[in-house]
Amino acid sequence: MKTKCHSVRLASLVSISDKAVAFDGSEAIIPKSQVFGSDYSVQKSDAYWISAWILEQKKIQYSAKKEAWFDISTGEMLPTYTVTKHVPDKIINKNVKPIKELKR
């Protein structure tokens, strides 16, 4: 089974009380089972992978731009695929007369 997670930059994450403090000062208690580990690609501050469904319930600052899927039983990151559908613009046909100079 897999769950969607977001990378959340936090000012602190206290393991004893499971209280997360965001940079804007908002605080939330997050269960340890919903924290899937550190996001090492963020270098400016500490970031953690937290379940998307718990973030939607809590009033803590986060961005949904960076997301990944994790396996619940192993805690490992799964490959993430993005499928986009290209819809071409409609082109209006124009009645163009041929140029006489270019005719044979």
PDB file of N, CA and C in Angstrom:
ATOM      1  N   MET A   1       0.845  -1.170   0.000  1.00  0.00           N
ATOM      2  CA  MET A   1       0.000   0.000   0.000  1.00  0.00           C
ATOM      3  C   MET A   1       0.892   1.236   0.000  1.00  0.00           C
ATOM      4  N   LYS A   2       0.455   2.287  -0.681  1.00  0.00           N
ATOM      5  CA  LYS A   2       1.281   3.474  -0.770  1.00  0.00           C
ATOM      6  C   LYS A   2       0.507   4.691  -0.308  1.00  0.00           C
ATOM      7  N   THR A   3       1.257   5.715   0.123  1.00  0.00           N
ATOM      8  CA  THR A   3       0.647   6.957   0.572  1.00  0.00           C
ATOM      9  C   THR A   3       1.393   8.138  -0.021  1.00  0.00           C
ATOM     10  N   LYS A   4       0.664   9.191  -0.297  1.00  0.00           N
ATOM     11  CA  LYS A   4       1.238  10.400  -0.880  1.00  0.00           C
ATOM     12  C   LYS A   4       1.790  11.268   0.247  1.00  0.00           C
ATOM     13  N   CYS A   5       3.000  11.796   0.048  1.00  0.00           N
ATOM     14  CA  CYS A   5       3.652  12.625   1.057  1.00  0.00           C
ATOM     15  C   CYS A   5       4.137  13.922   0.423  1.00  0.00           C
ATOM     16  N   HIS A   6       4.295  14.945   1.247  1.00  0.00           N
ATOM     17  CA  HIS A   6       4.847  16.222   0.821  1.00  0.00           C
ATOM     18  C   HIS A   6       6.107  16.491   1.625  1.00  0.00           C
ATOM     19  N   SER A   7       7.057  17.174   1.008  1.00  0.00           N
ATOM     20  CA  SER A   7       8.256  17.605   1.703  1.00  0.00           C
ATOM     21  C   SER A   7       7.927  18.912   2.422  1.00  0.00           C
ATOM     22  N   VAL A   8       8.087  18.919   3.742  1.00  0.00           N
ATOM     23  CA  VAL A   8       7.722  20.066   4.566  1.00  0.00           C
ATOM     24  C   VAL A   8       8.971  20.602   5.253  1.00  0.00           C
ATOM     25  N   ARG A   9       9.251  21.891   5.032  1.00  0.00           N
ATOM     26  CA  ARG A   9      10.382  22.536   5.711  1.00  0.00           C
ATOM     27  C   ARG A   9       9.918  22.992   7.082  1.00  0.00           C
ATOM     28  N   LEU A  10      10.602  22.536   8.119  1.00  0.00           N
ATOM     29  CA  LEU A  10      10.211  22.853   9.484  1.00  0.00           C
ATOM     30  C   LEU A  10      11.361  23.518  10.218  1.00  0.00           C
ATOM     31  N   ALA A  11      11.030  24.415  11.111  1.00  0.00           N
ATOM     32  CA  ALA A  11      12.041  25.027  11.966  1.00  0.00           C
ATOM     33  C   ALA A  11      12.491  24.018  13.011  1.00  0.00           C
ATOM     34  N   SER A  12      11.575  23.182  13.503  1.00  0.00           N
ATOM     35  CA  SER A  12      11.945  22.135  14.451  1.00  0.00           C
ATOM     36  C   SER A  12      10.916  21.021  14.406  1.00  0.00           C
ATOM     37  N   LEU A  13      11.374  19.817  14.731  1.00  0.00           N
ATOM     38  CA  LEU A  13      10.514  18.649  14.868  1.00  0.00           C
ATOM     39  C   LEU A  13      10.965  17.945  16.129  1.00  0.00           C
ATOM     40  N   VAL A  14      10.172  17.996  17.169  1.00  0.00           N
ATOM     41  CA  VAL A  14      10.530  17.436  18.459  1.00  0.00           C
ATOM     42  C   VAL A  14      10.008  16.012  18.519  1.00  0.00           C
ATOM     43  N   SER A  15      10.905  15.063  18.772  1.00  0.00           N
ATOM     44  CA  SER A  15      10.540  13.652  18.771  1.00  0.00           C
ATOM     45  C   SER A  15       9.758  13.263  20.018  1.00  0.00           C
ATOM     46  N   ILE A  16       9.991  13.916  21.133  1.00  0.00           N
ATOM     47  CA  ILE A  16       9.342  13.519  22.382  1.00  0.00           C
ATOM     48  C   ILE A  16       7.845  13.807  22.328  1.00  0.00           C
ATOM     49  N   SER A  17       7.464  15.008  21.889  1.00  0.00           N
ATOM     50  CA  SER A  17       6.055  15.376  21.886  1.00  0.00           C
ATOM     51  C   SER A  17       5.435  15.319  20.492  1.00  0.00           C
ATOM     52  N   ASP A  18       6.214  15.026  19.467  1.00  0.00           N
ATOM     53  CA  ASP A  18       5.745  14.985  18.082  1.00  0.00           C
ATOM     54  C   ASP A  18       5.147  16.315  17.644  1.00  0.00           C
ATOM     55  N   LYS A  19       5.690  17.397  18.153  1.00  0.00           N
ATOM     56  CA  LYS A  19       5.185  18.716  17.792  1.00  0.00           C
ATOM     57  C   LYS A  19       6.072  19.296  16.715  1.00  0.00           C
ATOM     58  N   ALA A  20       5.477  19.711  15.612  1.00  0.00           N
ATOM     59  CA  ALA A  20       6.208  20.323  14.510  1.00  0.00           C
ATOM     60  C   ALA A  20       5.946  21.822  14.531  1.00  0.00           C
ATOM     61  N   VAL A  21       7.010  22.613  14.320  1.00  0.00           N
ATOM     62  CA  VAL A  21       6.896  24.063  14.267  1.00  0.00           C
ATOM     63  C   VAL A  21       7.371  24.512  12.897  1.00  0.00           C
ATOM     64  N   ALA A  22       6.493  25.214  12.158  1.00  0.00           N
ATOM     65  CA  ALA A  22       6.840  25.714  10.829  1.00  0.00           C
ATOM     66  C   ALA A  22       7.508  27.076  10.964  1.00  0.00           C
ATOM     67  N   PHE A  23       8.005  27.598   9.841  1.00  0.00           N
ATOM     68  CA  PHE A  23       8.733  28.860   9.852  1.00  0.00           C
ATOM     69  C   PHE A  23       7.831  30.061  10.133  1.00  0.00           C
ATOM     70  N   ASP A  24       6.536  29.932   9.860  1.00  0.00           N
ATOM     71  CA  ASP A  24       5.629  31.051  10.134  1.00  0.00           C
ATOM     72  C   ASP A  24       5.134  31.042  11.582  1.00  0.00           C
ATOM     73  N   GLY A  25       5.587  30.091  12.379  1.00  0.00           N
ATOM     74  CA  GLY A  25       5.206  30.008  13.782  1.00  0.00           C
ATOM     75  C   GLY A  25       4.060  29.063  14.058  1.00  0.00           C
ATOM     76  N   SER A  26       3.441  28.505  13.031  1.00  0.00           N
ATOM     77  CA  SER A  26       2.337  27.572  13.250  1.00  0.00           C
ATOM     78  C   SER A  26       2.866  26.255  13.802  1.00  0.00           C
ATOM     79  N   GLU A  27       2.100  25.662  14.713  1.00  0.00           N
ATOM     80  CA  GLU A  27       2.493  24.412  15.359  1.00  0.00           C
ATOM     81  C   GLU A  27       1.427  23.357  15.133  1.00  0.00           C
ATOM     82  N   ALA A  28       1.836  22.098  15.096  1.00  0.00           N
ATOM     83  CA  ALA A  28       0.896  20.995  14.959  1.00  0.00           C
ATOM     84  C   ALA A  28       1.514  19.744  15.557  1.00  0.00           C
ATOM     85  N   ILE A  29       0.676  18.893  16.120  1.00  0.00           N
ATOM     86  CA  ILE A  29       1.126  17.597  16.620  1.00  0.00           C
ATOM     87  C   ILE A  29       0.905  16.589  15.507  1.00  0.00           C
ATOM     88  N   ILE A  30       1.997  15.958  15.073  1.00  0.00           N
ATOM     89  CA  ILE A  30       1.957  15.013  13.950  1.00  0.00           C
ATOM     90  C   ILE A  30       2.368  13.640  14.469  1.00  0.00           C
ATOM     91  N   PRO A  31       1.578  12.601  14.228  1.00  0.00           N
ATOM     92  CA  PRO A  31       1.955  11.262  14.669  1.00  0.00           C
ATOM     93  C   PRO A  31       3.261  10.805  14.008  1.00  0.00           C
ATOM     94  N   LYS A  32       4.073  10.082  14.771  1.00  0.00           N
ATOM     95  CA  LYS A  32       5.347   9.597  14.232  1.00  0.00           C
ATOM     96  C   LYS A  32       5.143   8.670  13.044  1.00  0.00           C
ATOM     97  N   SER A  33       4.014   7.977  13.015  1.00  0.00           N
ATOM     98  CA  SER A  33       3.762   7.044  11.916  1.00  0.00           C
ATOM     99  C   SER A  33       3.533   7.765  10.595  1.00  0.00           C
ATOM    100  N   GLN A  34       3.293   9.076  10.628  1.00  0.00           N
ATOM    101  CA  GLN A  34       3.040   9.836   9.412  1.00  0.00           C
ATOM    102  C   GLN A  34       4.260  10.624   8.939  1.00  0.00           C
ATOM    103  N   VAL A  35       5.372  10.527   9.655  1.00  0.00           N
ATOM    104  CA  VAL A  35       6.631  11.151   9.238  1.00  0.00           C
ATOM    105  C   VAL A  35       7.490  10.048   8.640  1.00  0.00           C
ATOM    106  N   PHE A  36       7.821  10.168   7.349  1.00  0.00           N
ATOM    107  CA  PHE A  36       8.532   9.104   6.635  1.00  0.00           C
ATOM    108  C   PHE A  36      10.027   9.359   6.530  1.00  0.00           C
ATOM    109  N   GLY A  37      10.540  10.358   7.217  1.00  0.00           N
ATOM    110  CA  GLY A  37      11.977  10.596   7.227  1.00  0.00           C
ATOM    111  C   GLY A  37      12.346  11.970   6.712  1.00  0.00           C
ATOM    112  N   SER A  38      13.640  12.218   6.658  1.00  0.00           N
ATOM    113  CA  SER A  38      14.157  13.517   6.233  1.00  0.00           C
ATOM    114  C   SER A  38      14.237  13.604   4.717  1.00  0.00           C
ATOM    115  N   ASP A  39      14.074  14.826   4.224  1.00  0.00           N
ATOM    116  CA  ASP A  39      14.254  15.106   2.800  1.00  0.00           C
ATOM    117  C   ASP A  39      15.637  15.731   2.658  1.00  0.00           C
ATOM    118  N   TYR A  40      16.602  14.948   2.202  1.00  0.00           N
ATOM    119  CA  TYR A  40      17.989  15.400   2.156  1.00  0.00           C
ATOM    120  C   TYR A  40      18.297  16.297   0.964  1.00  0.00           C
ATOM    121  N   SER A  41      17.356  16.449   0.025  1.00  0.00           N
ATOM    122  CA  SER A  41      17.613  17.310  -1.128  1.00  0.00           C
ATOM    123  C   SER A  41      17.455  18.793  -0.782  1.00  0.00           C
ATOM    124  N   VAL A  42      16.825  19.119   0.335  1.00  0.00           N
ATOM    125  CA  VAL A  42      16.668  20.501   0.782  1.00  0.00           C
ATOM    126  C   VAL A  42      17.874  20.842   1.642  1.00  0.00           C
ATOM    127  N   GLN A  43      18.587  21.923   1.282  1.00  0.00           N
ATOM    128  CA  GLN A  43      19.829  22.249   1.969  1.00  0.00           C
ATOM    129  C   GLN A  43      19.729  23.467   2.876  1.00  0.00           C
ATOM    130  N   LYS A  44      18.755  24.357   2.666  1.00  0.00           N
ATOM    131  CA  LYS A  44      18.663  25.578   3.445  1.00  0.00           C
ATOM    132  C   LYS A  44      18.136  25.351   4.855  1.00  0.00           C
ATOM    133  N   SER A  45      17.341  24.315   5.050  1.00  0.00           N
ATOM    134  CA  SER A  45      16.760  24.032   6.358  1.00  0.00           C
ATOM    135  C   SER A  45      16.420  22.547   6.433  1.00  0.00           C
ATOM    136  N   ASP A  46      15.887  22.146   7.571  1.00  0.00           N
ATOM    137  CA  ASP A  46      15.469  20.756   7.741  1.00  0.00           C
ATOM    138  C   ASP A  46      14.108  20.553   7.089  1.00  0.00           C
ATOM    139  N   ALA A  47      13.982  19.487   6.321  1.00  0.00           N
ATOM    140  CA  ALA A  47      12.704  19.163   5.667  1.00  0.00           C
ATOM    141  C   ALA A  47      12.410  17.687   5.910  1.00  0.00           C
ATOM    142  N   TYR A  48      11.147  17.375   6.047  1.00  0.00           N
ATOM    143  CA  TYR A  48      10.717  16.017   6.349  1.00  0.00           C
ATOM    144  C   TYR A  48       9.589  15.622   5.414  1.00  0.00           C
ATOM    145  N   TRP A  49       9.526  14.311   5.101  1.00  0.00           N
ATOM    146  CA  TRP A  49       8.445  13.777   4.288  1.00  0.00           C
ATOM    147  C   TRP A  49       7.303  13.416   5.234  1.00  0.00           C
ATOM    148  N   ILE A  50       6.154  14.088   5.081  1.00  0.00           N
ATOM    149  CA  ILE A  50       4.997  13.886   5.945  1.00  0.00           C
ATOM    150  C   ILE A  50       3.795  13.573   5.063  1.00  0.00           C
ATOM    151  N   SER A  51       2.930  12.672   5.539  1.00  0.00           N
ATOM    152  CA  SER A  51       1.749  12.252   4.776  1.00  0.00           C
ATOM    153  C   SER A  51       0.878  13.445   4.405  1.00  0.00           C
ATOM    154  N   ALA A  52       0.394  13.424   3.173  1.00  0.00           N
ATOM    155  CA  ALA A  52      -0.424  14.530   2.672  1.00  0.00           C
ATOM    156  C   ALA A  52      -1.760  14.612   3.401  1.00  0.00           C
ATOM    157  N   TRP A  53      -2.346  13.479   3.746  1.00  0.00           N
ATOM    158  CA  TRP A  53      -3.671  13.506   4.367  1.00  0.00           C
ATOM    159  C   TRP A  53      -3.626  14.119   5.760  1.00  0.00           C
ATOM    160  N   ILE A  54      -2.526  13.925   6.500  1.00  0.00           N
ATOM    161  CA  ILE A  54      -2.435  14.506   7.839  1.00  0.00           C
ATOM    162  C   ILE A  54      -2.145  16.003   7.749  1.00  0.00           C
ATOM    163  N   LEU A  55      -1.410  16.417   6.718  1.00  0.00           N
ATOM    164  CA  LEU A  55      -1.125  17.841   6.538  1.00  0.00           C
ATOM    165  C   LEU A  55      -2.386  18.624   6.215  1.00  0.00           C
ATOM    166  N   GLU A  56      -3.308  17.995   5.475  1.00  0.00           N
ATOM    167  CA  GLU A  56      -4.565  18.659   5.137  1.00  0.00           C
ATOM    168  C   GLU A  56      -5.436  18.876   6.371  1.00  0.00           C
ATOM    169  N   GLN A  57      -5.292  18.021   7.389  1.00  0.00           N
ATOM    170  CA  GLN A  57      -6.078  18.144   8.611  1.00  0.00           C
ATOM    171  C   GLN A  57      -5.475  19.129   9.601  1.00  0.00           C
ATOM    172  N   LYS A  58      -4.169  19.334   9.544  1.00  0.00           N
ATOM    173  CA  LYS A  58      -3.476  20.195  10.498  1.00  0.00           C
ATOM    174  C   LYS A  58      -3.349  21.601   9.940  1.00  0.00           C
ATOM    175  N   LYS A  59      -3.217  22.563  10.825  1.00  0.00           N
ATOM    176  CA  LYS A  59      -3.031  23.953  10.415  1.00  0.00           C
ATOM    177  C   LYS A  59      -1.549  24.293  10.526  1.00  0.00           C
ATOM    178  N   ILE A  60      -0.777  23.759   9.589  1.00  0.00           N
ATOM    179  CA  ILE A  60       0.659  24.018   9.545  1.00  0.00           C
ATOM    180  C   ILE A  60       1.036  24.390   8.118  1.00  0.00           C
ATOM    181  N   GLN A  61       1.998  25.279   8.000  1.00  0.00           N
ATOM    182  CA  GLN A  61       2.405  25.776   6.684  1.00  0.00           C
ATOM    183  C   GLN A  61       3.172  24.697   5.930  1.00  0.00           C
ATOM    184  N   TYR A  62       2.755  24.445   4.686  1.00  0.00           N
ATOM    185  CA  TYR A  62       3.475  23.517   3.816  1.00  0.00           C
ATOM    186  C   TYR A  62       3.150  23.856   2.374  1.00  0.00           C
ATOM    187  N   SER A  63       3.970  23.352   1.468  1.00  0.00           N
ATOM    188  CA  SER A  63       3.759  23.564   0.051  1.00  0.00           C
ATOM    189  C   SER A  63       3.547  22.211  -0.615  1.00  0.00           C
ATOM    190  N   ALA A  64       2.608  22.136  -1.532  1.00  0.00           N
ATOM    191  CA  ALA A  64       2.307  20.883  -2.221  1.00  0.00           C
ATOM    192  C   ALA A  64       3.120  20.733  -3.506  1.00  0.00           C
ATOM    193  N   LYS A  65       4.115  21.592  -3.714  1.00  0.00           N
ATOM    194  CA  LYS A  65       4.909  21.528  -4.948  1.00  0.00           C
ATOM    195  C   LYS A  65       5.772  20.274  -5.004  1.00  0.00           C
ATOM    196  N   LYS A  66       6.343  19.884  -3.887  1.00  0.00           N
ATOM    197  CA  LYS A  66       7.245  18.739  -3.862  1.00  0.00           C
ATOM    198  C   LYS A  66       6.528  17.577  -3.184  1.00  0.00           C
ATOM    199  N   GLU A  67       6.271  16.527  -3.949  1.00  0.00           N
ATOM    200  CA  GLU A  67       5.557  15.379  -3.415  1.00  0.00           C
ATOM    201  C   GLU A  67       6.216  14.090  -3.864  1.00  0.00           C
ATOM    202  N   ALA A  68       5.977  13.034  -3.112  1.00  0.00           N
ATOM    203  CA  ALA A  68       6.510  11.714  -3.437  1.00  0.00           C
ATOM    204  C   ALA A  68       5.568  10.674  -2.855  1.00  0.00           C
ATOM    205  N   TRP A  69       5.697   9.460  -3.328  1.00  0.00           N
ATOM    206  CA  TRP A  69       4.894   8.347  -2.823  1.00  0.00           C
ATOM    207  C   TRP A  69       5.796   7.431  -2.005  1.00  0.00           C
ATOM    208  N   PHE A  70       5.300   6.969  -0.853  1.00  0.00           N
ATOM    209  CA  PHE A  70       6.042   6.091   0.027  1.00  0.00           C
ATOM    210  C   PHE A  70       5.249   4.822   0.281  1.00  0.00           C
ATOM    211  N   ASP A  71       5.979   3.709   0.424  1.00  0.00           N
ATOM    212  CA  ASP A  71       5.367   2.439   0.786  1.00  0.00           C
ATOM    213  C   ASP A  71       5.147   2.456   2.297  1.00  0.00           C
ATOM    214  N   ILE A  72       3.923   2.186   2.742  1.00  0.00           N
ATOM    215  CA  ILE A  72       3.594   2.269   4.165  1.00  0.00           C
ATOM    216  C   ILE A  72       4.323   1.199   4.968  1.00  0.00           C
ATOM    217  N   SER A  73       4.417  -0.005   4.449  1.00  0.00           N
ATOM    218  CA  SER A  73       5.000  -1.103   5.214  1.00  0.00           C
ATOM    219  C   SER A  73       6.520  -1.000   5.336  1.00  0.00           C
ATOM    220  N   THR A  74       7.212  -0.559   4.273  1.00  0.00           N
ATOM    221  CA  THR A  74       8.677  -0.490   4.321  1.00  0.00           C
ATOM    222  C   THR A  74       9.196   0.917   4.586  1.00  0.00           C
ATOM    223  N   GLY A  75       8.410   1.939   4.280  1.00  0.00           N
ATOM    224  CA  GLY A  75       8.849   3.317   4.472  1.00  0.00           C
ATOM    225  C   GLY A  75       9.769   3.817   3.364  1.00  0.00           C
ATOM    226  N   GLU A  76       9.882   3.065   2.274  1.00  0.00           N
ATOM    227  CA  GLU A  76      10.765   3.448   1.172  1.00  0.00           C
ATOM    228  C   GLU A  76      10.028   4.320   0.170  1.00  0.00           C
ATOM    229  N   MET A  77      10.776   5.221  -0.470  1.00  0.00           N
ATOM    230  CA  MET A  77      10.208   6.093  -1.494  1.00  0.00           C
ATOM    231  C   MET A  77      10.012   5.301  -2.779  1.00  0.00           C
ATOM    232  N   LEU A  78       8.836   5.450  -3.364  1.00  0.00           N
ATOM    233  CA  LEU A  78       8.505   4.770  -4.621  1.00  0.00           C
ATOM    234  C   LEU A  78       8.717   5.730  -5.783  1.00  0.00           C
ATOM    235  N   PRO A  79       8.918   5.210  -6.981  1.00  0.00           N
ATOM    236  CA  PRO A  79       9.054   6.091  -8.143  1.00  0.00           C
ATOM    237  C   PRO A  79       7.777   6.900  -8.364  1.00  0.00           C
ATOM    238  N   THR A  80       7.947   8.164  -8.725  1.00  0.00           N
ATOM    239  CA  THR A  80       6.822   9.050  -8.955  1.00  0.00           C
ATOM    240  C   THR A  80       6.751   9.382 -10.432  1.00  0.00           C
ATOM    241  N   TYR A  81       5.579   9.201 -11.017  1.00  0.00           N
ATOM    242  CA  TYR A  81       5.367   9.475 -12.426  1.00  0.00           C
ATOM    243  C   TYR A  81       4.337  10.579 -12.564  1.00  0.00           C
ATOM    244  N   THR A  82       4.574  11.475 -13.504  1.00  0.00           N
ATOM    245  CA  THR A  82       3.623  12.537 -13.797  1.00  0.00           C
ATOM    246  C   THR A  82       3.147  12.366 -15.232  1.00  0.00           C
ATOM    247  N   VAL A  83       1.846  12.235 -15.397  1.00  0.00           N
ATOM    248  CA  VAL A  83       1.263  12.063 -16.721  1.00  0.00           C
ATOM    249  C   VAL A  83       0.573  13.370 -17.092  1.00  0.00           C
ATOM    250  N   THR A  84       1.002  13.944 -18.202  1.00  0.00           N
ATOM    251  CA  THR A  84       0.365  15.164 -18.685  1.00  0.00           C
ATOM    252  C   THR A  84      -0.193  14.895 -20.077  1.00  0.00           C
ATOM    253  N   LYS A  85      -1.304  15.494 -20.357  1.00  0.00           N
ATOM    254  CA  LYS A  85      -1.954  15.314 -21.650  1.00  0.00           C
ATOM    255  C   LYS A  85      -1.836  16.610 -22.430  1.00  0.00           C
ATOM    256  N   HIS A  86      -1.321  16.506 -23.638  1.00  0.00           N
ATOM    257  CA  HIS A  86      -1.155  17.677 -24.487  1.00  0.00           C
ATOM    258  C   HIS A  86      -2.418  17.876 -25.321  1.00  0.00           C
ATOM    259  N   VAL A  87      -3.005  19.043 -25.202  1.00  0.00           N
ATOM    260  CA  VAL A  87      -4.170  19.399 -26.005  1.00  0.00           C
ATOM    261  C   VAL A  87      -3.738  20.506 -26.955  1.00  0.00           C
ATOM    262  N   PRO A  88      -3.651  20.221 -28.250  1.00  0.00           N
ATOM    263  CA  PRO A  88      -3.181  21.240 -29.188  1.00  0.00           C
ATOM    264  C   PRO A  88      -4.209  22.354 -29.370  1.00  0.00           C
ATOM    265  N   ASP A  89      -3.702  23.525 -29.703  1.00  0.00           N
ATOM    266  CA  ASP A  89      -4.577  24.656 -29.981  1.00  0.00           C
ATOM    267  C   ASP A  89      -5.310  24.421 -31.295  1.00  0.00           C
ATOM    268  N   LYS A  90      -6.540  24.909 -31.371  1.00  0.00           N
ATOM    269  CA  LYS A  90      -7.295  24.790 -32.613  1.00  0.00           C
ATOM    270  C   LYS A  90      -6.792  25.828 -33.605  1.00  0.00           C
ATOM    271  N   ILE A  91      -6.589  25.376 -34.831  1.00  0.00           N
ATOM    272  CA  ILE A  91      -6.123  26.258 -35.899  1.00  0.00           C
ATOM    273  C   ILE A  91      -7.279  26.484 -36.859  1.00  0.00           C
ATOM    274  N   ILE A  92      -7.535  27.726 -37.135  1.00  0.00           N
ATOM    275  CA  ILE A  92      -8.611  28.073 -38.058  1.00  0.00           C
ATOM    276  C   ILE A  92      -8.032  28.094 -39.469  1.00  0.00           C
ATOM    277  N   ASN A  93      -8.678  27.339 -40.366  1.00  0.00           N
ATOM    278  CA  ASN A  93      -8.232  27.309 -41.757  1.00  0.00           C
ATOM    279  C   ASN A  93      -8.534  28.644 -42.426  1.00  0.00           C
ATOM    280  N   LYS A  94      -7.568  29.116 -43.188  1.00  0.00           N
ATOM    281  CA  LYS A  94      -7.752  30.368 -43.919  1.00  0.00           C
ATOM    282  C   LYS A  94      -7.839  30.051 -45.404  1.00  0.00           C
ATOM    283  N   ASN A  95      -8.699  30.759 -46.099  1.00  0.00           N
ATOM    284  CA  ASN A  95      -8.798  30.607 -47.553  1.00  0.00           C
ATOM    285  C   ASN A  95      -7.711  31.471 -48.176  1.00  0.00           C
ATOM    286  N   VAL A  96      -6.649  30.832 -48.565  1.00  0.00           N
ATOM    287  CA  VAL A  96      -5.509  31.539 -49.137  1.00  0.00           C
ATOM    288  C   VAL A  96      -5.441  31.229 -50.624  1.00  0.00           C
ATOM    289  N   LYS A  97      -5.334  32.276 -51.412  1.00  0.00           N
ATOM    290  CA  LYS A  97      -5.196  32.095 -52.853  1.00  0.00           C
ATOM    291  C   LYS A  97      -3.731  31.893 -53.187  1.00  0.00           C
ATOM    292  N   PRO A  98      -3.438  30.994 -54.132  1.00  0.00           N
ATOM    293  CA  PRO A  98      -2.041  30.761 -54.479  1.00  0.00           C
ATOM    294  C   PRO A  98      -1.417  31.988 -55.154  1.00  0.00           C
ATOM    295  N   ILE A  99      -0.132  32.163 -54.951  1.00  0.00           N
ATOM    296  CA  ILE A  99       0.587  33.285 -55.566  1.00  0.00           C
ATOM    297  C   ILE A  99       0.890  32.907 -57.012  1.00  0.00           C
ATOM    298  N   LYS A 100       0.538  33.769 -57.941  1.00  0.00           N
ATOM    299  CA  LYS A 100       0.688  33.478 -59.372  1.00  0.00           C
ATOM    300  C   LYS A 100       2.146  33.307 -59.761  1.00  0.00           C
ATOM    301  N   GLU A 101       3.036  34.037 -59.123  1.00  0.00           N
ATOM    302  CA  GLU A 101       4.449  33.990 -59.468  1.00  0.00           C
ATOM    303  C   GLU A 101       5.075  32.635 -59.127  1.00  0.00           C
ATOM    304  N   LEU A 102       4.509  31.939 -58.170  1.00  0.00           N
ATOM    305  CA  LEU A 102       5.066  30.679 -57.728  1.00  0.00           C
ATOM    306  C   LEU A 102       4.490  29.481 -58.480  1.00  0.00           C
ATOM    307  N   LYS A 103       3.467  29.698 -59.294  1.00  0.00           N
ATOM    308  CA  LYS A 103       2.873  28.618 -60.079  1.00  0.00           C
ATOM    309  C   LYS A 103       3.772  28.268 -61.247  1.00  0.00           C
ATOM    310  N   ARG A 104       3.712  27.032 -61.684  1.00  0.00           N
ATOM    311  CA  ARG A 104       4.499  26.585 -62.828  1.00  0.00           C
ATOM    312  C   ARG A 104       3.741  26.751 -64.079  1.00  0.00           C
TER     313      ARG A 104
END
